[in-house]
Structures are given as structure tokens and as C-alpha cells.
Amino acid sequence: MAKACVIALVSLAIYTSSSFNFAYATGAAESNKFKVVGHVYCDTCRVEFETKISQPISGAVVKLECRNRTDGALTFQSPEITTTQSGDYSIDVEGDFQDSDCDVTLVKSPRPDCSDLTEDWRKARVVITSLDGVSGDIRFANSLGFKKKEALPECKKVLTELGYYELQDELGQEVVS
């Protein structure tokens, strides 16, 4: 009799555990809606990162593309998204792209004085899956920037303040002070 109770208890535990796993997997499949958010700025110093004198770009256009890691096939492509007044954007994504590399890319800038693409930082990689240990549905992309045609004069001082001391000899003490 005791063996029968133990077997029944073990069977019940396995059944309950399987039910929870099934419910979790079903719930995860239904919640594969993500929001990719990011920011586009004008790189006023042409240094390929944001400084305190970088400016947000309103009306810049970005898009999100996901490609299969094995064969490079396109698995998702968003419509072109325009940034807000503050240079921010939000892209809605439905689906799980665990086997894809997803990148937000710059498409165009509305500013003729700040429209040079930054080669190295032109894409922002985003992981779009619920199976990566990240909770929630918001995915943050690194900021992307267009470079200004010519760096602003105050860039020398800003970069020196940031610790680019190698510029100090070239700039002179008047810029550092």
C-alpha cells in the first residue's frame, strides 16, 4: 500500500511539473511581442560617439532587419520608422528571432549638415527573443548617429574635458582652460 502511495505521489508530481512547463511554453509563445527603442543623434564632433554637444535628430529614419544566422535569409523587416522631436524611436516586433541577428540601421537624415553615415556604428544589434533570460518586452538599441559635415569649434574643448589628453599638445592651453 505504501509503495502504491509513493508511486501515485511521484506520478502526480511529474504530471504537475509537465503541466507547468506546457503552460509556460504556451504563455511564452503568446507573449512574443517586443518593442525596440533607441535614439538617433547628430555627431557634432565627428568622433562616432555622443558628447554633451551632440544633438538629437528629429525626423531621422531607421529600420530593423533580422537575418538568419545560418543562411543570411531575411526573417523580419520593419517599416521605416521616423524619430520623434527628441530623436527617439520605437519599433514594434512580433515573433521570436532567437536564430537571427537583428540590427537597427540608419536610413536617412533630414539634416543636410548632419547626414554623413558613421561606418563603424551604423547598426545597433538587438536580441529579440524571450529565451535569452531578459524579462519584459522592451529591447534597447545603442544610440546611432549621423556625423556633421564639419566638427563644431567647441569640440576641441569638449574632447579635452573627456580626457582626450593627446589632443592637448595640438590644441594649446587656451582650449583646455
C-alpha atoms as a PDB file:
ATOM      1  CA  MET A   1       0.000   0.000   0.000  1.00  0.00           C
ATOM      2  CA  ALA A   2       2.830   2.395   0.865  1.00  0.00           C
ATOM      3  CA  LYS A   3       4.511   1.684  -2.481  1.00  0.00           C
ATOM      4  CA  ALA A   4       1.298   2.494  -4.328  1.00  0.00           C
ATOM      5  CA  CYS A   5       1.024   5.840  -2.492  1.00  0.00           C
ATOM      6  CA  VAL A   6       4.627   6.726  -3.323  1.00  0.00           C
ATOM      7  CA  ILE A   7       4.130   5.809  -6.982  1.00  0.00           C
ATOM      8  CA  ALA A   8       0.921   7.843  -7.097  1.00  0.00           C
ATOM      9  CA  LEU A   9       2.671  10.844  -5.492  1.00  0.00           C
ATOM     10  CA  VAL A  10       5.625  10.658  -7.886  1.00  0.00           C
ATOM     11  CA  SER A  11       3.271  10.327 -10.860  1.00  0.00           C
ATOM     12  CA  LEU A  12       1.265  13.321  -9.642  1.00  0.00           C
ATOM     13  CA  ALA A  13       4.470  15.390  -9.240  1.00  0.00           C
ATOM     14  CA  ILE A  14       5.638  14.521 -12.764  1.00  0.00           C
ATOM     15  CA  TYR A  15       2.203  15.306 -14.220  1.00  0.00           C
ATOM     16  CA  THR A  16       2.007  18.641 -12.379  1.00  0.00           C
ATOM     17  CA  SER A  17       5.541  19.580 -13.412  1.00  0.00           C
ATOM     18  CA  SER A  18       4.784  18.752 -17.046  1.00  0.00           C
ATOM     19  CA  SER A  19       1.628  20.841 -16.918  1.00  0.00           C
ATOM     20  CA  PHE A  20       3.558  23.871 -15.622  1.00  0.00           C
ATOM     21  CA  ASN A  21       6.178  23.522 -18.354  1.00  0.00           C
ATOM     22  CA  PHE A  22       3.481  23.262 -21.005  1.00  0.00           C
ATOM     23  CA  ALA A  23       1.668  26.320 -19.648  1.00  0.00           C
ATOM     24  CA  TYR A  24       4.934  28.293 -19.516  1.00  0.00           C
ATOM     25  CA  ALA A  25       5.840  27.369 -23.098  1.00  0.00           C
ATOM     26  CA  THR A  26       2.365  28.283 -24.334  1.00  0.00           C
ATOM     27  CA  GLY A  27       2.433  31.604 -22.476  1.00  0.00           C
ATOM     28  CA  ALA A  28       5.899  32.436 -23.820  1.00  0.00           C
ATOM     29  CA  ALA A  29       4.771  31.808 -27.382  1.00  0.00           C
ATOM     30  CA  GLU A  30       1.830  34.161 -26.944  1.00  0.00           C
ATOM     31  CA  SER A  31       3.929  36.950 -25.418  1.00  0.00           C
ATOM     32  CA  ASN A  32       6.464  37.289 -28.258  1.00  0.00           C
ATOM     33  CA  LYS A  33       5.667  40.924 -28.838  1.00  0.00           C
ATOM     34  CA  PHE A  34       8.601  43.249 -28.398  1.00  0.00           C
ATOM     35  CA  LYS A  35       9.288  46.949 -28.597  1.00  0.00           C
ATOM     36  CA  VAL A  36      12.736  48.049 -29.768  1.00  0.00           C
ATOM     37  CA  VAL A  37      13.586  51.574 -28.598  1.00  0.00           C
ATOM     38  CA  GLY A  38      16.561  53.748 -29.402  1.00  0.00           C
ATOM     39  CA  HIS A  39      17.907  57.216 -30.146  1.00  0.00           C
ATOM     40  CA  VAL A  40      19.432  58.984 -33.171  1.00  0.00           C
ATOM     41  CA  TYR A  41      21.786  61.925 -32.728  1.00  0.00           C
ATOM     42  CA  CYS A  42      23.957  64.310 -34.709  1.00  0.00           C
ATOM     43  CA  ASP A  43      27.637  63.653 -34.003  1.00  0.00           C
ATOM     44  CA  THR A  44      28.686  67.307 -33.962  1.00  0.00           C
ATOM     45  CA  CYS A  45      32.334  66.424 -33.263  1.00  0.00           C
ATOM     46  CA  ARG A  46      32.665  63.621 -35.844  1.00  0.00           C
ATOM     47  CA  VAL A  47      34.057  61.256 -33.176  1.00  0.00           C
ATOM     48  CA  GLU A  48      31.484  58.444 -33.580  1.00  0.00           C
ATOM     49  CA  PHE A  49      30.081  58.679 -30.042  1.00  0.00           C
ATOM     50  CA  GLU A  50      27.769  61.048 -28.193  1.00  0.00           C
ATOM     51  CA  THR A  51      29.180  64.067 -26.389  1.00  0.00           C
ATOM     52  CA  LYS A  52      27.475  66.771 -24.359  1.00  0.00           C
ATOM     53  CA  ILE A  53      27.131  68.881 -27.517  1.00  0.00           C
ATOM     54  CA  SER A  54      25.623  66.115 -29.665  1.00  0.00           C
ATOM     55  CA  GLN A  55      22.131  66.958 -30.865  1.00  0.00           C
ATOM     56  CA  PRO A  56      19.068  64.714 -31.249  1.00  0.00           C
ATOM     57  CA  ILE A  57      17.827  64.372 -34.814  1.00  0.00           C
ATOM     58  CA  SER A  58      14.101  64.777 -35.259  1.00  0.00           C
ATOM     59  CA  GLY A  59      12.756  63.148 -38.414  1.00  0.00           C
ATOM     60  CA  ALA A  60      15.651  60.723 -38.944  1.00  0.00           C
ATOM     61  CA  VAL A  61      14.658  57.384 -40.482  1.00  0.00           C
ATOM     62  CA  VAL A  62      15.695  53.957 -39.155  1.00  0.00           C
ATOM     63  CA  LYS A  63      14.636  50.366 -39.815  1.00  0.00           C
ATOM     64  CA  LEU A  64      15.065  46.994 -38.133  1.00  0.00           C
ATOM     65  CA  GLU A  65      16.148  43.894 -40.037  1.00  0.00           C
ATOM     66  CA  CYS A  66      16.683  40.361 -38.757  1.00  0.00           C
ATOM     67  CA  ARG A  67      18.659  37.775 -40.739  1.00  0.00           C
ATOM     68  CA  ASN A  68      19.010  34.067 -40.108  1.00  0.00           C
ATOM     69  CA  ARG A  69      22.463  33.295 -38.695  1.00  0.00           C
ATOM     70  CA  THR A  70      22.867  30.185 -40.857  1.00  0.00           C
ATOM     71  CA  ASP A  71      21.873  31.266 -44.344  1.00  0.00           C
ATOM     72  CA  GLY A  72      21.509  35.060 -44.055  1.00  0.00           C
ATOM     73  CA  ALA A  73      17.881  34.981 -45.167  1.00  0.00           C
ATOM     74  CA  LEU A  74      15.735  37.930 -44.105  1.00  0.00           C
ATOM     75  CA  THR A  75      13.470  36.811 -41.237  1.00  0.00           C
ATOM     76  CA  PHE A  76      11.998  40.202 -40.277  1.00  0.00           C
ATOM     77  CA  GLN A  77      11.986  43.721 -41.670  1.00  0.00           C
ATOM     78  CA  SER A  78      10.205  46.648 -40.058  1.00  0.00           C
ATOM     79  CA  PRO A  79       8.768  49.537 -41.991  1.00  0.00           C
ATOM     80  CA  GLU A  80      10.929  52.657 -41.978  1.00  0.00           C
ATOM     81  CA  ILE A  81      10.413  54.485 -38.682  1.00  0.00           C
ATOM     82  CA  THR A  82      10.835  58.245 -38.167  1.00  0.00           C
ATOM     83  CA  THR A  83      12.312  59.628 -34.947  1.00  0.00           C
ATOM     84  CA  THR A  84      10.427  61.954 -32.628  1.00  0.00           C
ATOM     85  CA  GLN A  85      11.314  65.561 -31.787  1.00  0.00           C
ATOM     86  CA  SER A  86      13.788  64.235 -29.199  1.00  0.00           C
ATOM     87  CA  GLY A  87      15.440  61.829 -31.674  1.00  0.00           C
ATOM     88  CA  ASP A  88      13.842  58.717 -30.162  1.00  0.00           C
ATOM     89  CA  TYR A  89      12.147  55.841 -31.998  1.00  0.00           C
ATOM     90  CA  SER A  90      10.107  52.770 -31.166  1.00  0.00           C
ATOM     91  CA  ILE A  91       9.688  49.710 -33.389  1.00  0.00           C
ATOM     92  CA  ASP A  92       7.051  47.042 -32.697  1.00  0.00           C
ATOM     93  CA  VAL A  93       8.141  43.467 -33.402  1.00  0.00           C
ATOM     94  CA  GLU A  94       6.021  40.341 -33.251  1.00  0.00           C
ATOM     95  CA  GLY A  95       7.708  36.951 -33.142  1.00  0.00           C
ATOM     96  CA  ASP A  96      10.765  35.310 -31.653  1.00  0.00           C
ATOM     97  CA  PHE A  97      14.027  35.700 -33.553  1.00  0.00           C
ATOM     98  CA  GLN A  98      16.338  33.546 -31.442  1.00  0.00           C
ATOM     99  CA  ASP A  99      18.152  32.214 -34.530  1.00  0.00           C
ATOM    100  CA  SER A 100      18.544  35.628 -36.172  1.00  0.00           C
ATOM    101  CA  ASP A 101      20.851  38.619 -35.892  1.00  0.00           C
ATOM    102  CA  CYS A 102      18.689  41.737 -35.642  1.00  0.00           C
ATOM    103  CA  ASP A 103      20.087  45.198 -36.362  1.00  0.00           C
ATOM    104  CA  VAL A 104      18.621  48.684 -36.319  1.00  0.00           C
ATOM    105  CA  THR A 105      20.164  50.678 -39.167  1.00  0.00           C
ATOM    106  CA  LEU A 106      20.177  54.320 -40.143  1.00  0.00           C
ATOM    107  CA  VAL A 107      18.342  55.043 -43.391  1.00  0.00           C
ATOM    108  CA  LYS A 108      18.455  58.819 -43.802  1.00  0.00           C
ATOM    109  CA  SER A 109      18.861  62.112 -42.000  1.00  0.00           C
ATOM    110  CA  PRO A 110      16.632  65.131 -42.617  1.00  0.00           C
ATOM    111  CA  ARG A 111      19.573  67.441 -41.882  1.00  0.00           C
ATOM    112  CA  PRO A 112      21.854  68.212 -44.842  1.00  0.00           C
ATOM    113  CA  ASP A 113      24.533  69.489 -42.424  1.00  0.00           C
ATOM    114  CA  CYS A 114      24.471  66.214 -40.466  1.00  0.00           C
ATOM    115  CA  SER A 115      23.932  63.310 -42.830  1.00  0.00           C
ATOM    116  CA  ASP A 116      27.281  61.503 -43.112  1.00  0.00           C
ATOM    117  CA  LEU A 117      26.848  57.876 -42.100  1.00  0.00           C
ATOM    118  CA  THR A 118      29.068  56.564 -39.356  1.00  0.00           C
ATOM    119  CA  GLU A 119      30.534  53.372 -40.824  1.00  0.00           C
ATOM    120  CA  ASP A 120      31.502  51.588 -37.604  1.00  0.00           C
ATOM    121  CA  TRP A 121      28.375  52.465 -35.629  1.00  0.00           C
ATOM    122  CA  ARG A 122      25.784  52.437 -38.387  1.00  0.00           C
ATOM    123  CA  LYS A 123      23.992  49.415 -36.892  1.00  0.00           C
ATOM    124  CA  ALA A 124      22.772  48.617 -33.406  1.00  0.00           C
ATOM    125  CA  ARG A 125      22.441  44.892 -32.628  1.00  0.00           C
ATOM    126  CA  VAL A 126      19.321  43.906 -30.668  1.00  0.00           C
ATOM    127  CA  VAL A 127      18.443  40.465 -29.280  1.00  0.00           C
ATOM    128  CA  ILE A 128      14.779  39.716 -29.930  1.00  0.00           C
ATOM    129  CA  THR A 129      13.803  36.557 -28.118  1.00  0.00           C
ATOM    130  CA  SER A 130      12.099  35.644 -24.865  1.00  0.00           C
ATOM    131  CA  LEU A 131      14.570  32.778 -24.428  1.00  0.00           C
ATOM    132  CA  ASP A 132      17.616  34.907 -23.538  1.00  0.00           C
ATOM    133  CA  GLY A 133      16.931  35.417 -19.841  1.00  0.00           C
ATOM    134  CA  VAL A 134      15.825  39.045 -20.273  1.00  0.00           C
ATOM    135  CA  SER A 135      12.408  39.721 -18.790  1.00  0.00           C
ATOM    136  CA  GLY A 136       9.971  42.180 -20.274  1.00  0.00           C
ATOM    137  CA  ASP A 137       9.174  43.111 -23.823  1.00  0.00           C
ATOM    138  CA  ILE A 138      11.324  46.229 -24.288  1.00  0.00           C
ATOM    139  CA  ARG A 139      14.675  45.893 -26.040  1.00  0.00           C
ATOM    140  CA  PHE A 140      17.094  48.829 -26.002  1.00  0.00           C
ATOM    141  CA  ALA A 141      19.280  49.568 -29.013  1.00  0.00           C
ATOM    142  CA  ASN A 142      22.501  51.558 -28.725  1.00  0.00           C
ATOM    143  CA  SER A 143      22.274  55.135 -29.959  1.00  0.00           C
ATOM    144  CA  LEU A 144      23.029  55.708 -33.629  1.00  0.00           C
ATOM    145  CA  GLY A 145      24.477  58.877 -35.093  1.00  0.00           C
ATOM    146  CA  PHE A 146      24.953  60.761 -38.310  1.00  0.00           C
ATOM    147  CA  LYS A 147      28.137  62.838 -38.491  1.00  0.00           C
ATOM    148  CA  LYS A 148      28.099  66.572 -39.060  1.00  0.00           C
ATOM    149  CA  LYS A 149      29.878  67.707 -42.252  1.00  0.00           C
ATOM    150  CA  GLU A 150      32.410  69.674 -40.170  1.00  0.00           C
ATOM    151  CA  ALA A 151      33.093  69.424 -36.451  1.00  0.00           C
ATOM    152  CA  LEU A 152      31.983  72.339 -34.297  1.00  0.00           C
ATOM    153  CA  PRO A 153      34.787  74.583 -32.945  1.00  0.00           C
ATOM    154  CA  GLU A 154      33.856  73.799 -29.311  1.00  0.00           C
ATOM    155  CA  CYS A 155      34.567  70.091 -29.888  1.00  0.00           C
ATOM    156  CA  LYS A 156      38.239  70.539 -29.010  1.00  0.00           C
ATOM    157  CA  LYS A 157      37.355  71.726 -25.518  1.00  0.00           C
ATOM    158  CA  VAL A 158      34.663  69.054 -25.035  1.00  0.00           C
ATOM    159  CA  LEU A 159      37.020  66.252 -26.068  1.00  0.00           C
ATOM    160  CA  THR A 160      39.787  67.553 -23.835  1.00  0.00           C
ATOM    161  CA  GLU A 161      37.341  67.604 -20.907  1.00  0.00           C
ATOM    162  CA  LEU A 162      36.509  63.975 -21.681  1.00  0.00           C
ATOM    163  CA  GLY A 163      40.131  63.017 -21.214  1.00  0.00           C
ATOM    164  CA  TYR A 164      41.484  63.062 -24.718  1.00  0.00           C
ATOM    165  CA  TYR A 165      44.744  64.478 -23.417  1.00  0.00           C
ATOM    166  CA  GLU A 166      46.652  63.524 -26.542  1.00  0.00           C
ATOM    167  CA  LEU A 167      44.896  66.477 -28.174  1.00  0.00           C
ATOM    168  CA  GLN A 168      46.196  68.903 -25.547  1.00  0.00           C
ATOM    169  CA  ASP A 169      49.559  69.457 -27.308  1.00  0.00           C
ATOM    170  CA  GLU A 170      47.825  70.110 -30.617  1.00  0.00           C
ATOM    171  CA  LEU A 171      45.131  72.364 -29.143  1.00  0.00           C
ATOM    172  CA  GLY A 172      47.159  74.518 -26.815  1.00  0.00           C
ATOM    173  CA  GLN A 173      46.420  75.588 -23.249  1.00  0.00           C
ATOM    174  CA  GLU A 174      43.727  78.162 -24.198  1.00  0.00           C
ATOM    175  CA  VAL A 175      41.346  75.378 -25.195  1.00  0.00           C
ATOM    176  CA  VAL A 176      41.953  73.281 -22.080  1.00  0.00           C
ATOM    177  CA  SER A 177      41.488  76.166 -19.621  1.00  0.00           C
END
